[in-house]
């Protein structure tokens, strides 16, 4: 077990996320899991954009081709 010190504002935010008698440890665990899922989602979307980049038109090239 490890102890950490939290400021009052952060502790208050964590307590606002509490569902019922849920522990602060459980809230932090859920936040980390959500963060990891979000990171995976972002990575997946970024890789899809990289794979499909040739399907997109460069805005500057498009504007130049239209004389804009």
PDB file of N, CA and C in Angstrom:
ATOM      1  N   UNK A   1       0.844  -1.174   0.000  1.00  0.00           N
ATOM      2  CA  UNK A   1       0.000   0.000   0.000  1.00  0.00           C
ATOM      3  C   UNK A   1       0.891   1.239   0.000  1.00  0.00           C
ATOM      4  N   UNK A   2       0.423   2.275  -0.693  1.00  0.00           N
ATOM      5  CA  UNK A   2       1.148   3.528  -0.785  1.00  0.00           C
ATOM      6  C   UNK A   2       0.204   4.656  -0.370  1.00  0.00           C
ATOM      7  N   UNK A   3       0.726   5.614   0.329  1.00  0.00           N
ATOM      8  CA  UNK A   3      -0.068   6.787   0.707  1.00  0.00           C
ATOM      9  C   UNK A   3       0.320   7.957  -0.180  1.00  0.00           C
ATOM     10  N   UNK A   4      -0.683   8.742  -0.555  1.00  0.00           N
ATOM     11  CA  UNK A   4      -0.426   9.952  -1.329  1.00  0.00           C
ATOM     12  C   UNK A   4      -1.142  11.113  -0.672  1.00  0.00           C
ATOM     13  N   UNK A   5      -0.640  12.302  -0.933  1.00  0.00           N
ATOM     14  CA  UNK A   5      -1.261  13.494  -0.401  1.00  0.00           C
ATOM     15  C   UNK A   5      -2.006  14.189  -1.535  1.00  0.00           C
ATOM     16  N   UNK A   6      -3.248  14.544  -1.279  1.00  0.00           N
ATOM     17  CA  UNK A   6      -4.071  15.227  -2.271  1.00  0.00           C
ATOM     18  C   UNK A   6      -4.506  16.571  -1.720  1.00  0.00           C
ATOM     19  N   UNK A   7      -4.563  17.553  -2.598  1.00  0.00           N
ATOM     20  CA  UNK A   7      -5.101  18.844  -2.195  1.00  0.00           C
ATOM     21  C   UNK A   7      -6.604  18.738  -1.978  1.00  0.00           C
ATOM     22  N   UNK A   8      -7.140  19.682  -1.250  1.00  0.00           N
ATOM     23  CA  UNK A   8      -8.574  19.647  -0.939  1.00  0.00           C
ATOM     24  C   UNK A   8      -9.449  19.665  -2.187  1.00  0.00           C
ATOM     25  N   UNK A   9      -9.066  20.486  -3.174  1.00  0.00           N
ATOM     26  CA  UNK A   9      -9.862  20.606  -4.393  1.00  0.00           C
ATOM     27  C   UNK A   9      -9.895  19.286  -5.167  1.00  0.00           C
ATOM     28  N   UNK A  10      -8.742  18.637  -5.284  1.00  0.00           N
ATOM     29  CA  UNK A  10      -8.695  17.358  -5.994  1.00  0.00           C
ATOM     30  C   UNK A  10      -9.492  16.296  -5.245  1.00  0.00           C
ATOM     31  N   UNK A  11      -9.344  16.253  -3.948  1.00  0.00           N
ATOM     32  CA  UNK A  11     -10.102  15.303  -3.147  1.00  0.00           C
ATOM     33  C   UNK A  11     -11.605  15.538  -3.319  1.00  0.00           C
ATOM     34  N   UNK A  12     -11.997  16.791  -3.348  1.00  0.00           N
ATOM     35  CA  UNK A  12     -13.416  17.136  -3.527  1.00  0.00           C
ATOM     36  C   UNK A  12     -13.910  16.643  -4.894  1.00  0.00           C
ATOM     37  N   UNK A  13     -13.083  16.806  -5.928  1.00  0.00           N
ATOM     38  CA  UNK A  13     -13.457  16.335  -7.266  1.00  0.00           C
ATOM     39  C   UNK A  13     -13.604  14.815  -7.277  1.00  0.00           C
ATOM     40  N   UNK A  14     -12.671  14.133  -6.639  1.00  0.00           N
ATOM     41  CA  UNK A  14     -12.757  12.674  -6.567  1.00  0.00           C
ATOM     42  C   UNK A  14     -14.003  12.233  -5.802  1.00  0.00           C
ATOM     43  N   UNK A  15     -14.309  12.904  -4.734  1.00  0.00           N
ATOM     44  CA  UNK A  15     -15.493  12.559  -3.947  1.00  0.00           C
ATOM     45  C   UNK A  15     -16.771  12.809  -4.738  1.00  0.00           C
ATOM     46  N   UNK A  16     -16.755  13.810  -5.613  1.00  0.00           N
ATOM     47  CA  UNK A  16     -17.927  14.072  -6.453  1.00  0.00           C
ATOM     48  C   UNK A  16     -18.163  12.947  -7.467  1.00  0.00           C
ATOM     49  N   UNK A  17     -17.116  12.202  -7.794  1.00  0.00           N
ATOM     50  CA  UNK A  17     -17.237  11.070  -8.718  1.00  0.00           C
ATOM     51  C   UNK A  17     -17.677   9.787  -8.016  1.00  0.00           C
ATOM     52  N   UNK A  18     -17.674   9.826  -6.713  1.00  0.00           N
ATOM     53  CA  UNK A  18     -17.980   8.642  -5.900  1.00  0.00           C
ATOM     54  C   UNK A  18     -19.430   8.210  -6.112  1.00  0.00           C
ATOM     55  N   UNK A  19     -19.593   6.900  -6.272  1.00  0.00           N
ATOM     56  CA  UNK A  19     -20.931   6.312  -6.367  1.00  0.00           C
ATOM     57  C   UNK A  19     -21.180   5.513  -5.096  1.00  0.00           C
ATOM     58  N   UNK A  20     -22.076   5.993  -4.294  1.00  0.00           N
ATOM     59  CA  UNK A  20     -22.381   5.310  -3.044  1.00  0.00           C
ATOM     60  C   UNK A  20     -21.203   5.346  -2.087  1.00  0.00           C
ATOM     61  N   UNK A  21     -20.818   4.189  -1.601  1.00  0.00           N
ATOM     62  CA  UNK A  21     -19.719   4.067  -0.642  1.00  0.00           C
ATOM     63  C   UNK A  21     -18.405   3.688  -1.323  1.00  0.00           C
ATOM     64  N   UNK A  22     -18.310   3.950  -2.612  1.00  0.00           N
ATOM     65  CA  UNK A  22     -17.123   3.610  -3.390  1.00  0.00           C
ATOM     66  C   UNK A  22     -15.877   4.276  -2.794  1.00  0.00           C
ATOM     67  N   UNK A  23     -14.793   3.543  -2.773  1.00  0.00           N
ATOM     68  CA  UNK A  23     -13.556   4.086  -2.207  1.00  0.00           C
ATOM     69  C   UNK A  23     -12.866   5.008  -3.208  1.00  0.00           C
ATOM     70  N   UNK A  24     -12.041   5.897  -2.686  1.00  0.00           N
ATOM     71  CA  UNK A  24     -11.250   6.787  -3.537  1.00  0.00           C
ATOM     72  C   UNK A  24     -10.330   5.946  -4.424  1.00  0.00           C
ATOM     73  N   UNK A  25      -9.800   4.857  -3.885  1.00  0.00           N
ATOM     74  CA  UNK A  25      -8.947   3.964  -4.673  1.00  0.00           C
ATOM     75  C   UNK A  25      -9.702   3.431  -5.893  1.00  0.00           C
ATOM     76  N   UNK A  26     -10.948   3.028  -5.699  1.00  0.00           N
ATOM     77  CA  UNK A  26     -11.763   2.501  -6.802  1.00  0.00           C
ATOM     78  C   UNK A  26     -12.027   3.596  -7.840  1.00  0.00           C
ATOM     79  N   UNK A  27     -12.268   4.809  -7.403  1.00  0.00           N
ATOM     80  CA  UNK A  27     -12.498   5.924  -8.323  1.00  0.00           C
ATOM     81  C   UNK A  27     -11.247   6.157  -9.166  1.00  0.00           C
ATOM     82  N   UNK A  28     -10.094   6.160  -8.531  1.00  0.00           N
ATOM     83  CA  UNK A  28      -8.828   6.363  -9.250  1.00  0.00           C
ATOM     84  C   UNK A  28      -8.604   5.222 -10.239  1.00  0.00           C
ATOM     85  N   UNK A  29      -8.903   4.019  -9.829  1.00  0.00           N
ATOM     86  CA  UNK A  29      -8.774   2.855 -10.711  1.00  0.00           C
ATOM     87  C   UNK A  29      -9.669   3.014 -11.948  1.00  0.00           C
ATOM     88  N   UNK A  30     -10.909   3.443 -11.743  1.00  0.00           N
ATOM     89  CA  UNK A  30     -11.833   3.647 -12.864  1.00  0.00           C
ATOM     90  C   UNK A  30     -11.353   4.775 -13.778  1.00  0.00           C
ATOM     91  N   UNK A  31     -10.805   5.829 -13.198  1.00  0.00           N
ATOM     92  CA  UNK A  31     -10.272   6.929 -14.002  1.00  0.00           C
ATOM     93  C   UNK A  31      -9.110   6.461 -14.866  1.00  0.00           C
ATOM     94  N   UNK A  32      -8.236   5.659 -14.294  1.00  0.00           N
ATOM     95  CA  UNK A  32      -7.091   5.133 -15.050  1.00  0.00           C
ATOM     96  C   UNK A  32      -7.575   4.228 -16.178  1.00  0.00           C
ATOM     97  N   UNK A  33      -8.536   3.380 -15.901  1.00  0.00           N
ATOM     98  CA  UNK A  33      -9.079   2.498 -16.935  1.00  0.00           C
ATOM     99  C   UNK A  33      -9.711   3.311 -18.066  1.00  0.00           C
ATOM    100  N   UNK A  34     -10.455   4.338 -17.704  1.00  0.00           N
ATOM    101  CA  UNK A  34     -11.074   5.203 -18.716  1.00  0.00           C
ATOM    102  C   UNK A  34     -10.012   5.904 -19.545  1.00  0.00           C
ATOM    103  N   UNK A  35      -8.965   6.364 -18.901  1.00  0.00           N
ATOM    104  CA  UNK A  35      -7.860   7.025 -19.589  1.00  0.00           C
ATOM    105  C   UNK A  35      -7.197   6.065 -20.575  1.00  0.00           C
ATOM    106  N   UNK A  36      -6.946   4.839 -20.135  1.00  0.00           N
ATOM    107  CA  UNK A  36      -6.313   3.845 -21.005  1.00  0.00           C
ATOM    108  C   UNK A  36      -7.188   3.530 -22.211  1.00  0.00           C
ATOM    109  N   UNK A  37      -8.496   3.399 -21.988  1.00  0.00           N
ATOM    110  CA  UNK A  37      -9.422   3.143 -23.090  1.00  0.00           C
ATOM    111  C   UNK A  37      -9.429   4.308 -24.075  1.00  0.00           C
ATOM    112  N   UNK A  38      -9.416   5.514 -23.555  1.00  0.00           N
ATOM    113  CA  UNK A  38      -9.403   6.697 -24.409  1.00  0.00           C
ATOM    114  C   UNK A  38      -8.115   6.769 -25.216  1.00  0.00           C
ATOM    115  N   UNK A  39      -6.992   6.463 -24.592  1.00  0.00           N
ATOM    116  CA  UNK A  39      -5.711   6.452 -25.294  1.00  0.00           C
ATOM    117  C   UNK A  39      -5.732   5.423 -26.431  1.00  0.00           C
ATOM    118  N   UNK A  40      -6.261   4.239 -26.163  1.00  0.00           N
ATOM    119  CA  UNK A  40      -6.364   3.209 -27.196  1.00  0.00           C
ATOM    120  C   UNK A  40      -7.241   3.682 -28.353  1.00  0.00           C
ATOM    121  N   UNK A  41      -8.358   4.306 -28.030  1.00  0.00           N
ATOM    122  CA  UNK A  41      -9.280   4.819 -29.050  1.00  0.00           C
ATOM    123  C   UNK A  41      -8.590   5.879 -29.910  1.00  0.00           C
ATOM    124  N   UNK A  42      -7.892   6.797 -29.271  1.00  0.00           N
ATOM    125  CA  UNK A  42      -7.193   7.866 -29.997  1.00  0.00           C
ATOM    126  C   UNK A  42      -6.122   7.271 -30.903  1.00  0.00           C
ATOM    127  N   UNK A  43      -5.359   6.328 -30.389  1.00  0.00           N
ATOM    128  CA  UNK A  43      -4.323   5.667 -31.197  1.00  0.00           C
ATOM    129  C   UNK A  43      -4.927   4.986 -32.408  1.00  0.00           C
ATOM    130  N   UNK A  44      -6.030   4.283 -32.193  1.00  0.00           N
ATOM    131  CA  UNK A  44      -6.709   3.579 -33.276  1.00  0.00           C
ATOM    132  C   UNK A  44      -7.177   4.558 -34.357  1.00  0.00           C
ATOM    133  N   UNK A  45      -7.779   5.659 -33.945  1.00  0.00           N
ATOM    134  CA  UNK A  45      -8.266   6.655 -34.909  1.00  0.00           C
ATOM    135  C   UNK A  45      -7.108   7.337 -35.629  1.00  0.00           C
ATOM    136  N   UNK A  46      -6.025   7.603 -34.923  1.00  0.00           N
ATOM    137  CA  UNK A  46      -4.864   8.235 -35.541  1.00  0.00           C
ATOM    138  C   UNK A  46      -4.253   7.306 -36.593  1.00  0.00           C
ATOM    139  N   UNK A  47      -4.134   6.021 -36.268  1.00  0.00           N
ATOM    140  CA  UNK A  47      -3.601   5.063 -37.228  1.00  0.00           C
ATOM    141  C   UNK A  47      -4.497   4.943 -38.452  1.00  0.00           C
ATOM    142  N   UNK A  48      -5.811   4.994 -38.235  1.00  0.00           N
ATOM    143  CA  UNK A  48      -6.742   4.952 -39.367  1.00  0.00           C
ATOM    144  C   UNK A  48      -6.552   6.180 -40.253  1.00  0.00           C
ATOM    145  N   UNK A  49      -6.386   7.344 -39.660  1.00  0.00           N
ATOM    146  CA  UNK A  49      -6.131   8.557 -40.440  1.00  0.00           C
ATOM    147  C   UNK A  49      -4.836   8.438 -41.234  1.00  0.00           C
ATOM    148  N   UNK A  50      -3.818   7.895 -40.615  1.00  0.00           N
ATOM    149  CA  UNK A  50      -2.527   7.716 -41.318  1.00  0.00           C
ATOM    150  C   UNK A  50      -2.677   6.756 -42.489  1.00  0.00           C
ATOM    151  N   UNK A  51      -3.414   5.651 -42.275  1.00  0.00           N
ATOM    152  CA  UNK A  51      -3.620   4.675 -43.355  1.00  0.00           C
ATOM    153  C   UNK A  51      -4.432   5.274 -44.500  1.00  0.00           C
ATOM    154  N   UNK A  52      -5.409   6.112 -44.159  1.00  0.00           N
ATOM    155  CA  UNK A  52      -6.351   6.641 -45.156  1.00  0.00           C
ATOM    156  C   UNK A  52      -6.001   8.038 -45.650  1.00  0.00           C
ATOM    157  N   UNK A  53      -4.822   8.539 -45.312  1.00  0.00           N
ATOM    158  CA  UNK A  53      -4.498   9.925 -45.635  1.00  0.00           C
ATOM    159  C   UNK A  53      -4.550  10.228 -47.128  1.00  0.00           C
ATOM    160  N   UNK A  54      -4.310   9.226 -47.964  1.00  0.00           N
ATOM    161  CA  UNK A  54      -4.369   9.476 -49.406  1.00  0.00           C
ATOM    162  C   UNK A  54      -5.807   9.669 -49.892  1.00  0.00           C
ATOM    163  N   UNK A  55      -6.787   9.364 -49.053  1.00  0.00           N
ATOM    164  CA  UNK A  55      -8.191   9.578 -49.399  1.00  0.00           C
ATOM    165  C   UNK A  55      -8.632  11.022 -49.140  1.00  0.00           C
ATOM    166  N   UNK A  56      -7.800  11.784 -48.454  1.00  0.00           N
ATOM    167  CA  UNK A  56      -8.124  13.160 -48.115  1.00  0.00           C
ATOM    168  C   UNK A  56      -7.447  14.123 -49.082  1.00  0.00           C
ATOM    169  N   UNK A  57      -8.056  15.278 -49.252  1.00  0.00           N
ATOM    170  CA  UNK A  57      -7.504  16.308 -50.127  1.00  0.00           C
ATOM    171  C   UNK A  57      -6.832  17.362 -49.256  1.00  0.00           C
ATOM    172  N   UNK A  58      -5.630  17.745 -49.626  1.00  0.00           N
ATOM    173  CA  UNK A  58      -4.934  18.803 -48.920  1.00  0.00           C
ATOM    174  C   UNK A  58      -5.679  20.113 -49.177  1.00  0.00           C
ATOM    175  N   UNK A  59      -6.011  20.826 -48.130  1.00  0.00           N
ATOM    176  CA  UNK A  59      -6.798  22.048 -48.250  1.00  0.00           C
ATOM    177  C   UNK A  59      -6.092  23.097 -49.102  1.00  0.00           C
ATOM    178  N   UNK A  60      -4.795  23.240 -48.933  1.00  0.00           N
ATOM    179  CA  UNK A  60      -4.050  24.226 -49.719  1.00  0.00           C
ATOM    180  C   UNK A  60      -4.033  23.850 -51.199  1.00  0.00           C
ATOM    181  N   UNK A  61      -3.867  22.561 -51.502  1.00  0.00           N
ATOM    182  CA  UNK A  61      -3.889  22.119 -52.895  1.00  0.00           C
ATOM    183  C   UNK A  61      -5.275  22.336 -53.502  1.00  0.00           C
ATOM    184  N   UNK A  62      -6.310  22.038 -52.736  1.00  0.00           N
ATOM    185  CA  UNK A  62      -7.678  22.232 -53.218  1.00  0.00           C
ATOM    186  C   UNK A  62      -7.932  23.710 -53.526  1.00  0.00           C
ATOM    187  N   UNK A  63      -7.548  24.585 -52.593  1.00  0.00           N
ATOM    188  CA  UNK A  63      -7.753  26.017 -52.787  1.00  0.00           C
ATOM    189  C   UNK A  63      -6.985  26.510 -54.010  1.00  0.00           C
ATOM    190  N   UNK A  64      -5.762  26.047 -54.175  1.00  0.00           N
ATOM    191  CA  UNK A  64      -4.939  26.460 -55.322  1.00  0.00           C
ATOM    192  C   UNK A  64      -5.566  25.981 -56.628  1.00  0.00           C
ATOM    193  N   UNK A  65      -6.110  24.768 -56.641  1.00  0.00           N
ATOM    194  CA  UNK A  65      -6.715  24.248 -57.865  1.00  0.00           C
ATOM    195  C   UNK A  65      -7.992  24.990 -58.236  1.00  0.00           C
ATOM    196  N   UNK A  66      -8.597  25.649 -57.282  1.00  0.00           N
ATOM    197  CA  UNK A  66      -9.821  26.419 -57.511  1.00  0.00           C
ATOM    198  C   UNK A  66      -9.539  27.921 -57.668  1.00  0.00           C
ATOM    199  N   UNK A  67      -8.258  28.279 -57.586  1.00  0.00           N
ATOM    200  CA  UNK A  67      -7.896  29.676 -57.701  1.00  0.00           C
ATOM    201  C   UNK A  67      -8.295  30.515 -56.496  1.00  0.00           C
ATOM    202  N   UNK A  68      -8.355  29.892 -55.361  1.00  0.00           N
ATOM    203  CA  UNK A  68      -8.764  30.595 -54.135  1.00  0.00           C
ATOM    204  C   UNK A  68      -7.567  31.110 -53.359  1.00  0.00           C
TER     205      UNK A  68
END
